[in-house]
Every structure is written in structure tokens, then in C-alpha cells.
Protein backbone atom coordinates (compact mmCIF):
# COMPACT_ATOMS: atom_id res chain seq x y z
CA MET A 1 35.39 117.16 180.81
CA ASP A 2 37.62 119.53 178.89
CA HIS A 3 36.42 122.94 178.11
CA GLU A 4 35.25 122.84 174.54
CA ARG A 5 34.59 125.83 172.28
CA ALA A 6 33.46 126.18 168.68
CA ILE A 7 33.23 129.01 166.14
CA ILE A 8 30.60 129.06 163.39
CA VAL A 9 31.83 130.97 160.21
CA GLU A 10 30.49 131.31 156.76
CA GLY A 11 33.11 129.69 154.58
CA LYS A 12 36.43 127.74 154.26
CA THR A 13 38.50 130.91 153.76
CA ASP A 14 37.14 132.32 157.04
CA ARG A 15 38.06 129.07 158.82
CA GLU A 16 41.56 129.05 157.27
CA ARG A 17 42.14 132.77 158.42
CA LEU A 18 41.10 131.90 162.03
CA GLN A 19 43.30 128.88 162.14
CA LYS A 20 46.29 131.04 161.21
CA VAL A 21 46.01 133.02 164.35
CA LEU A 22 44.59 130.56 166.79
CA ALA A 23 47.12 128.91 169.14
CA GLU A 24 44.70 126.33 170.49
CA THR A 25 42.46 123.69 168.96
CA VAL A 26 39.06 125.05 168.35
CA LEU A 27 36.21 123.45 166.29
CA ILE A 28 35.41 125.78 163.43
CA VAL A 29 32.43 124.94 161.46
CA CYS A 30 31.33 126.49 158.11
CA THR A 31 27.73 127.15 156.93
CA TYR A 32 28.99 127.88 153.38
CA GLY A 33 26.77 130.97 153.38
CA SER A 34 23.47 129.04 153.32
CA TYR A 35 21.23 128.11 156.21
CA SER A 36 18.22 125.85 156.35
CA ALA A 37 16.37 123.63 158.86
CA GLU A 38 18.52 120.73 157.64
CA LYS A 39 21.79 122.72 158.07
CA ALA A 40 20.54 123.88 161.50
CA ALA A 41 20.02 120.29 162.56
CA GLN A 42 23.49 119.30 161.23
CA LEU A 43 25.11 122.12 163.18
CA GLU A 44 23.19 121.32 166.47
CA GLU A 45 24.44 117.78 166.13
CA GLN A 46 28.09 118.81 165.36
CA LEU A 47 28.05 121.27 168.30
CA ALA A 48 26.19 119.17 170.87
CA ASP A 49 29.25 118.63 173.03
CA GLU A 50 30.61 122.16 172.85
CA GLU A 51 30.29 124.21 176.00
CA GLU A 52 30.82 127.56 174.23
CA ILE A 53 29.69 128.57 170.78
CA TYR A 54 30.82 131.66 168.96
CA ILE A 55 29.28 133.15 165.80
CA PHE A 56 31.73 135.03 163.59
CA THR A 57 30.04 136.01 160.36
CA ASP A 58 30.73 138.80 157.87
CA GLU A 59 29.41 142.33 158.43
CA ASP A 60 27.69 142.48 155.15
CA ASP A 61 23.95 141.92 154.50
CA SER A 62 24.28 138.19 153.98
CA GLY A 63 26.46 137.77 157.01
CA LYS A 64 24.05 139.76 159.12
CA LYS A 65 21.15 137.72 157.88
CA LEU A 66 22.99 134.40 158.54
CA ARG A 67 23.90 135.77 162.08
CA ALA A 68 20.21 136.46 162.91
CA GLN A 69 19.31 132.94 161.78
CA LEU A 70 22.03 131.37 163.79
CA GLN A 71 21.06 133.34 166.80
CA GLU A 72 17.62 131.78 166.75
CA ASP A 73 19.03 128.24 166.93
CA PHE A 74 22.04 129.14 169.24
CA PRO A 75 20.63 131.90 171.55
CA HIS A 76 23.54 131.44 173.98
CA ALA A 77 26.24 131.94 171.44
CA VAL A 78 28.67 134.75 171.82
CA HIS A 79 28.91 136.98 168.75
CA LEU A 80 32.32 138.12 167.40
CA HIS A 81 32.45 141.00 164.91
CA THR A 82 35.00 142.19 162.41
CA GLN A 83 35.22 145.92 161.70
CA THR A 84 32.72 147.18 159.10
CA LEU A 85 35.63 148.64 157.15
CA TYR A 86 36.77 145.12 156.20
CA ALA A 87 33.13 143.74 155.85
CA GLN A 88 34.30 140.10 155.63
CA VAL A 89 36.16 137.82 158.10
CA ALA A 90 38.34 136.70 155.15
CA HIS A 91 39.48 140.30 154.38
CA THR A 92 40.21 141.27 158.04
CA PRO A 93 43.92 141.59 158.68
CA LEU A 94 45.31 138.67 160.77
CA GLU A 95 46.46 141.00 163.51
CA LEU A 96 42.98 142.26 163.98
CA LEU A 97 41.52 138.76 163.91
CA ALA A 98 43.98 137.78 166.57
CA ASP A 99 42.91 140.79 168.71
CA ILE A 100 39.20 140.00 168.33
CA LEU A 101 39.75 136.30 169.29
CA GLU A 102 42.13 137.19 172.16
CA ARG A 103 39.57 139.59 173.68
CA ALA A 104 37.04 136.71 173.51
CA GLY A 105 39.52 134.61 175.62
CA PHE A 106 41.06 132.47 172.95
CA LEU A 107 44.83 131.66 172.80
CA VAL A 108 46.30 133.25 169.78
CA THR A 109 49.68 133.01 168.01
CA PRO A 110 52.22 135.63 169.13
CA LYS A 111 52.34 138.63 166.73
CA ASN A 112 55.85 137.93 165.49
CA GLN A 113 54.78 134.51 164.29
CA GLU A 114 51.54 135.48 162.58
CA SER A 115 53.27 137.07 159.52
CA HIS A 116 55.69 134.09 159.36
CA ARG A 117 52.72 131.71 159.14
CA HIS A 118 50.77 133.89 156.68
CA ARG A 119 50.88 132.56 153.14
CA GLY A 120 50.93 135.51 150.74
């Protein structure tokens, strides 16, 4: 079986930012900022085949609360963090996102191609 990984993020913009720097196919699922028992069941079903799960939420109060909830349902997930300075994944520069993902073992787009792929 192929090595499968998934990243849980808060919203569509977060997913789009990560996709700009990832150089491999990764399942990125959005919680859309809310979390409930029903959402947890949906996520568990979506992620059932994934060998590694990463949680990459914002560093604001709502992101930290969501991270804590996700940690209960996905205790073996690896936590990725943006810098507090940027607070939100969507506001984190692409180069920093690439660095965070690369340090976690993901393949990322070479630096000279990131700005080319970035839509202003």
C-alpha cells in the first residue's frame, strides 16, 4: 500500500495555500472552522485509509480550540504550526509554509517556482 498522508485545515483558503507549495499529492480536508460529533465522524471516515494525519490550524483562539478538539479524535496526528506573528495559515508567506511542510517531510515546490505559481 502507498504511504498516504492527510492534513486537516480550517478552511478552503488554507487548503489552497498549502496546495501552492506542495509538490506531492496530499489529501487536505477542511473543517470550515466548526467541529461537532457529526463532523468528527465524517473526518474519521474520510481519513480512515490515511497512515499519517497532520493538523495545521491557525494560531488564534479559534484555531487553538479546534486543534484541541481534533487532538481528542486524532491523538496520533502530527501538529504543524505557523508563526504566531502571522496567526493564520492563510496569512503565512508561501516560503514559510513550504519550510514548515518540508521540515515535516513533505515534498515542496522549489523556491523559484513558488512565486511563479502564486496568484497575486
